[in-house]
């Protein structure tokens, strides 16, 4: 009974659609992308669910930001041993952004 209801619902949904199907149809595109094909070279790279890597992750206090958004290693002890370049970099970037916003406000 349930399969019959599902089939009728599916048929009703398809009968409501226009006969001509175009390339920019989002439903058709999603259905085509959802099919896994044998021998697809990108299947391993574009998985729908991210697989756990098995590597431990850092779980301590938040790390200071860096230019490349690289997370710390799992054994990092939380001590910032840098020479301060990243801090100066972000400070200069923020000052430049604030200066440009202020110049824009004065110009408008």
C-alpha atoms as a PDB file:
ATOM      1  CA  UNK A   1       0.000   0.000   0.000  1.00  0.00           C
ATOM      2  CA  UNK A   2       2.754   2.417   0.926  1.00  0.00           C
ATOM      3  CA  UNK A   3       4.608   1.846  -2.334  1.00  0.00           C
ATOM      4  CA  UNK A   4       1.443   2.545  -4.255  1.00  0.00           C
ATOM      5  CA  UNK A   5       0.890   5.803  -2.370  1.00  0.00           C
ATOM      6  CA  UNK A   6       4.508   6.817  -2.946  1.00  0.00           C
ATOM      7  CA  UNK A   7       4.220   5.964  -6.631  1.00  0.00           C
ATOM      8  CA  UNK A   8       1.020   8.006  -6.975  1.00  0.00           C
ATOM      9  CA  UNK A   9       2.615  10.965  -5.159  1.00  0.00           C
ATOM     10  CA  UNK A  10       5.662  10.704  -7.414  1.00  0.00           C
ATOM     11  CA  UNK A  11       3.480  10.570 -10.534  1.00  0.00           C
ATOM     12  CA  UNK A  12       1.400  13.542  -9.330  1.00  0.00           C
ATOM     13  CA  UNK A  13       4.556  15.538  -8.711  1.00  0.00           C
ATOM     14  CA  UNK A  14       5.909  14.765 -12.170  1.00  0.00           C
ATOM     15  CA  UNK A  15       2.580  15.414 -13.889  1.00  0.00           C
ATOM     16  CA  UNK A  16       2.510  18.927 -12.412  1.00  0.00           C
ATOM     17  CA  UNK A  17       5.877  19.750 -13.984  1.00  0.00           C
ATOM     18  CA  UNK A  18       6.171  21.168 -17.494  1.00  0.00           C
ATOM     19  CA  UNK A  19       6.908  18.686 -20.260  1.00  0.00           C
ATOM     20  CA  UNK A  20      10.045  20.478 -21.460  1.00  0.00           C
ATOM     21  CA  UNK A  21      12.980  20.087 -19.045  1.00  0.00           C
ATOM     22  CA  UNK A  22      15.718  22.684 -19.397  1.00  0.00           C
ATOM     23  CA  UNK A  23      19.371  22.548 -18.339  1.00  0.00           C
ATOM     24  CA  UNK A  24      18.946  25.113 -15.557  1.00  0.00           C
ATOM     25  CA  UNK A  25      16.306  23.019 -13.748  1.00  0.00           C
ATOM     26  CA  UNK A  26      17.466  22.840 -10.106  1.00  0.00           C
ATOM     27  CA  UNK A  27      15.484  19.677  -9.247  1.00  0.00           C
ATOM     28  CA  UNK A  28      16.819  17.797 -12.257  1.00  0.00           C
ATOM     29  CA  UNK A  29      20.345  18.999 -11.518  1.00  0.00           C
ATOM     30  CA  UNK A  30      20.116  17.822  -7.883  1.00  0.00           C
ATOM     31  CA  UNK A  31      18.810  14.433  -8.991  1.00  0.00           C
ATOM     32  CA  UNK A  32      21.615  14.016 -11.516  1.00  0.00           C
ATOM     33  CA  UNK A  33      24.262  15.021  -8.984  1.00  0.00           C
ATOM     34  CA  UNK A  34      22.838  12.674  -6.358  1.00  0.00           C
ATOM     35  CA  UNK A  35      23.527   9.551  -8.417  1.00  0.00           C
ATOM     36  CA  UNK A  36      26.819   7.784  -7.706  1.00  0.00           C
ATOM     37  CA  UNK A  37      28.322   6.385 -10.887  1.00  0.00           C
ATOM     38  CA  UNK A  38      30.855   3.599 -11.164  1.00  0.00           C
ATOM     39  CA  UNK A  39      34.330   4.799 -12.158  1.00  0.00           C
ATOM     40  CA  UNK A  40      33.679   8.422 -11.201  1.00  0.00           C
ATOM     41  CA  UNK A  41      37.152   9.917 -10.587  1.00  0.00           C
ATOM     42  CA  UNK A  42      35.823  12.690  -8.315  1.00  0.00           C
ATOM     43  CA  UNK A  43      33.707  10.405  -6.140  1.00  0.00           C
ATOM     44  CA  UNK A  44      36.431  10.023  -3.515  1.00  0.00           C
ATOM     45  CA  UNK A  45      37.142  13.734  -3.364  1.00  0.00           C
ATOM     46  CA  UNK A  46      33.585  15.064  -3.282  1.00  0.00           C
ATOM     47  CA  UNK A  47      31.920  12.941  -0.645  1.00  0.00           C
ATOM     48  CA  UNK A  48      28.639  14.142   0.846  1.00  0.00           C
ATOM     49  CA  UNK A  49      29.632  13.283   4.398  1.00  0.00           C
ATOM     50  CA  UNK A  50      33.051  14.145   5.711  1.00  0.00           C
ATOM     51  CA  UNK A  51      34.851  11.070   6.920  1.00  0.00           C
ATOM     52  CA  UNK A  52      36.658  11.304  10.232  1.00  0.00           C
ATOM     53  CA  UNK A  53      40.367  11.497   9.563  1.00  0.00           C
ATOM     54  CA  UNK A  54      41.338   9.469  12.586  1.00  0.00           C
ATOM     55  CA  UNK A  55      43.848  12.107  13.616  1.00  0.00           C
ATOM     56  CA  UNK A  56      43.372  13.754  17.010  1.00  0.00           C
ATOM     57  CA  UNK A  57      42.414  17.440  17.065  1.00  0.00           C
ATOM     58  CA  UNK A  58      43.551  20.180  19.416  1.00  0.00           C
ATOM     59  CA  UNK A  59      41.059  20.774  22.213  1.00  0.00           C
ATOM     60  CA  UNK A  60      42.349  23.544  24.397  1.00  0.00           C
ATOM     61  CA  UNK A  61      42.063  27.311  24.660  1.00  0.00           C
ATOM     62  CA  UNK A  62      41.502  28.994  21.299  1.00  0.00           C
ATOM     63  CA  UNK A  63      44.646  29.589  19.308  1.00  0.00           C
ATOM     64  CA  UNK A  64      45.618  33.073  18.144  1.00  0.00           C
ATOM     65  CA  UNK A  65      44.552  33.769  14.562  1.00  0.00           C
ATOM     66  CA  UNK A  66      47.027  33.356  11.735  1.00  0.00           C
ATOM     67  CA  UNK A  67      47.074  34.511   8.129  1.00  0.00           C
ATOM     68  CA  UNK A  68      46.459  31.059   6.678  1.00  0.00           C
ATOM     69  CA  UNK A  69      43.774  29.830   9.138  1.00  0.00           C
ATOM     70  CA  UNK A  70      45.890  26.820  10.078  1.00  0.00           C
ATOM     71  CA  UNK A  71      44.680  25.116  13.259  1.00  0.00           C
ATOM     72  CA  UNK A  72      47.252  24.167  15.886  1.00  0.00           C
ATOM     73  CA  UNK A  73      48.524  20.617  16.194  1.00  0.00           C
ATOM     74  CA  UNK A  74      46.905  18.359  18.759  1.00  0.00           C
ATOM     75  CA  UNK A  75      49.957  18.452  21.048  1.00  0.00           C
ATOM     76  CA  UNK A  76      50.194  22.265  21.155  1.00  0.00           C
ATOM     77  CA  UNK A  77      50.505  23.492  24.753  1.00  0.00           C
ATOM     78  CA  UNK A  78      48.848  26.888  24.189  1.00  0.00           C
ATOM     79  CA  UNK A  79      52.014  28.993  24.417  1.00  0.00           C
ATOM     80  CA  UNK A  80      52.461  31.518  21.610  1.00  0.00           C
ATOM     81  CA  UNK A  81      56.131  31.264  20.637  1.00  0.00           C
ATOM     82  CA  UNK A  82      55.930  33.509  17.583  1.00  0.00           C
ATOM     83  CA  UNK A  83      57.958  36.658  17.039  1.00  0.00           C
ATOM     84  CA  UNK A  84      54.764  38.789  17.021  1.00  0.00           C
ATOM     85  CA  UNK A  85      54.554  39.206  13.248  1.00  0.00           C
ATOM     86  CA  UNK A  86      51.019  37.795  13.003  1.00  0.00           C
ATOM     87  CA  UNK A  87      49.757  40.141  15.722  1.00  0.00           C
ATOM     88  CA  UNK A  88      51.337  43.145  13.934  1.00  0.00           C
ATOM     89  CA  UNK A  89      49.945  41.911  10.618  1.00  0.00           C
ATOM     90  CA  UNK A  90      46.364  41.769  11.903  1.00  0.00           C
ATOM     91  CA  UNK A  91      46.763  45.091  13.724  1.00  0.00           C
ATOM     92  CA  UNK A  92      47.987  46.821  10.531  1.00  0.00           C
ATOM     93  CA  UNK A  93      45.212  45.194   8.534  1.00  0.00           C
ATOM     94  CA  UNK A  94      42.573  46.427  10.998  1.00  0.00           C
ATOM     95  CA  UNK A  95      44.023  49.940  11.060  1.00  0.00           C
ATOM     96  CA  UNK A  96      44.055  50.098   7.256  1.00  0.00           C
ATOM     97  CA  UNK A  97      40.435  48.924   7.132  1.00  0.00           C
ATOM     98  CA  UNK A  98      39.398  51.483   9.761  1.00  0.00           C
ATOM     99  CA  UNK A  99      41.292  54.245   7.934  1.00  0.00           C
ATOM    100  CA  UNK A 100      39.616  53.406   4.624  1.00  0.00           C
ATOM    101  CA  UNK A 101      36.159  53.299   6.272  1.00  0.00           C
ATOM    102  CA  UNK A 102      36.790  56.655   7.933  1.00  0.00           C
ATOM    103  CA  UNK A 103      37.987  58.168   4.634  1.00  0.00           C
ATOM    104  CA  UNK A 104      34.854  56.838   2.963  1.00  0.00           C
ATOM    105  CA  UNK A 105      32.668  58.379   5.687  1.00  0.00           C
ATOM    106  CA  UNK A 106      34.394  61.753   5.281  1.00  0.00           C
ATOM    107  CA  UNK A 107      33.999  61.591   1.495  1.00  0.00           C
ATOM    108  CA  UNK A 108      30.294  60.782   1.580  1.00  0.00           C
END
